[in-house]
Protein backbone atom coordinates (compact mmCIF):
# COMPACT_ATOMS: atom_id res chain seq x y z
CA UNK A 1 67.97 -56.68 109.74
CA UNK A 2 64.53 -57.00 111.31
CA UNK A 3 65.97 -58.53 114.49
CA UNK A 4 68.46 -55.70 114.84
CA UNK A 5 65.79 -53.06 114.25
CA UNK A 6 63.46 -54.63 116.78
CA UNK A 7 66.31 -54.93 119.29
CA UNK A 8 67.09 -51.23 118.84
CA UNK A 9 63.47 -50.24 119.34
CA UNK A 10 63.05 -52.46 122.40
CA UNK A 11 66.26 -51.06 123.90
CA UNK A 12 65.10 -47.50 123.26
CA UNK A 13 61.73 -48.20 124.88
CA UNK A 14 63.37 -49.85 127.89
CA UNK A 15 65.74 -46.90 128.33
CA UNK A 16 62.91 -44.35 128.17
CA UNK A 17 60.76 -46.46 130.48
CA UNK A 18 63.61 -46.82 132.96
CA UNK A 19 64.06 -43.04 133.03
CA UNK A 20 60.38 -42.54 133.85
CA UNK A 21 60.35 -45.29 136.45
CA UNK A 22 63.53 -44.19 138.22
CA UNK A 23 62.54 -40.51 138.11
CA UNK A 24 59.08 -41.26 139.43
CA UNK A 25 60.60 -43.14 142.36
CA UNK A 26 62.92 -40.20 142.98
CA UNK A 27 66.17 -42.06 142.32
CA UNK A 28 67.40 -39.93 139.41
CA UNK A 29 66.51 -36.63 137.80
CA UNK A 30 65.02 -36.77 134.30
CA UNK A 31 67.66 -35.80 131.73
CA UNK A 32 66.29 -32.89 129.74
CA UNK A 33 67.42 -34.36 126.41
CA UNK A 34 66.72 -38.04 127.03
CA UNK A 35 64.38 -38.49 124.06
CA UNK A 36 66.74 -36.74 121.66
CA UNK A 37 69.71 -38.72 122.97
CA UNK A 38 67.89 -42.03 122.61
CA UNK A 39 66.74 -41.09 119.12
CA UNK A 40 70.26 -40.07 118.08
CA UNK A 41 71.77 -43.37 119.18
CA UNK A 42 68.95 -45.47 117.73
CA UNK A 43 69.18 -43.83 114.32
CA UNK A 44 72.98 -43.78 114.16
CA UNK A 45 73.25 -47.46 115.14
CA UNK A 46 70.58 -48.45 112.63
CA UNK A 47 72.15 -46.51 109.74
CA UNK A 48 75.62 -47.82 110.53
CA UNK A 49 74.44 -51.43 110.73
CA UNK A 50 72.42 -51.10 107.54
CA UNK A 51 75.43 -49.79 105.61
CA UNK A 52 77.96 -52.24 107.06
CA UNK A 53 76.05 -55.49 106.51
CA UNK A 54 76.09 -54.87 102.76
CA UNK A 55 79.89 -54.98 102.63
CA UNK A 56 81.34 -58.35 101.59
CA UNK A 57 85.12 -57.77 101.56
CA UNK A 58 86.80 -58.06 105.00
CA UNK A 59 89.33 -55.30 104.31
CA UNK A 60 86.65 -52.94 103.03
CA UNK A 61 84.47 -53.80 106.01
CA UNK A 62 87.26 -52.98 108.45
CA UNK A 63 87.96 -49.61 106.83
CA UNK A 64 84.26 -48.75 106.62
CA UNK A 65 83.66 -49.78 110.23
CA UNK A 66 86.58 -47.73 111.54
CA UNK A 67 85.42 -44.77 109.46
CA UNK A 68 81.90 -45.10 110.82
CA UNK A 69 83.25 -45.13 114.37
CA UNK A 70 85.13 -41.88 113.78
CA UNK A 71 82.10 -40.19 112.19
CA UNK A 72 79.79 -41.37 114.97
CA UNK A 73 82.14 -40.23 117.72
CA UNK A 74 82.50 -36.79 116.16
CA UNK A 75 78.73 -36.45 115.79
CA UNK A 76 78.06 -37.73 119.31
CA UNK A 77 80.66 -35.49 120.94
CA UNK A 78 79.30 -32.48 119.04
CA UNK A 79 75.78 -33.36 120.16
CA UNK A 80 76.89 -33.79 123.77
CA UNK A 81 78.69 -30.44 123.68
CA UNK A 82 75.51 -28.72 122.48
CA UNK A 83 73.40 -30.48 125.11
CA UNK A 84 75.78 -29.57 127.92
CA UNK A 85 75.92 -25.97 126.71
CA UNK A 86 72.13 -25.64 126.47
CA UNK A 87 71.37 -27.24 129.84
CA UNK A 88 74.18 -26.58 132.25
CA UNK A 89 72.06 -27.31 135.31
CA UNK A 90 71.17 -30.79 134.02
CA UNK A 91 74.62 -31.54 132.63
CA UNK A 92 75.31 -34.47 134.97
CA UNK A 93 72.04 -36.25 134.24
CA UNK A 94 72.41 -35.73 130.50
CA UNK A 95 76.05 -36.87 130.47
CA UNK A 96 75.32 -40.03 132.46
CA UNK A 97 72.32 -40.87 130.27
CA UNK A 98 74.46 -40.24 127.18
CA UNK A 99 77.12 -42.69 128.42
CA UNK A 100 74.50 -45.33 129.24
CA UNK A 101 73.14 -44.98 125.70
CA UNK A 102 76.68 -45.31 124.30
CA UNK A 103 77.24 -48.51 126.20
CA UNK A 104 73.94 -50.12 125.23
CA UNK A 105 73.78 -49.16 121.57
CA UNK A 106 77.44 -49.79 120.79
CA UNK A 107 77.16 -53.20 122.44
CA UNK A 108 74.09 -54.03 120.35
CA UNK A 109 75.69 -52.85 117.14
CA UNK A 110 78.97 -54.70 117.66
CA UNK A 111 77.32 -57.93 118.78
CA UNK A 112 74.95 -58.03 115.81
CA UNK A 113 77.76 -57.20 113.38
CA UNK A 114 80.00 -59.84 114.94
CA UNK A 115 77.42 -62.60 114.72
CA UNK A 116 76.36 -61.51 111.24
CA UNK A 117 79.91 -61.65 109.91
CA UNK A 118 80.63 -64.97 111.68
CA UNK A 119 77.84 -66.77 109.82
């Protein structure tokens, strides 16, 4: 659990640092909700992992994991809708940053769950 938590925090710091670095160099605009987006993905991945590693039965794990995916997607899409509504001028930057967060945090979560359940 500590390795997963530290991996999440390091990933969040790298993402935020990359935004500052790329924006400072003028490559990308700063997404207006980048901190909130990073925090949302960090917390949701941590909570999901914490709940799923406690499950022993493979069939229960599968159902719980699929349920967690549905809940996360609904929450994330709702959040993205609010963000895009509140900042229409920065919609592209926020949407791209959102997708990058999806890719990174889902990959982390799935890989840690996979290796945890394999051992």
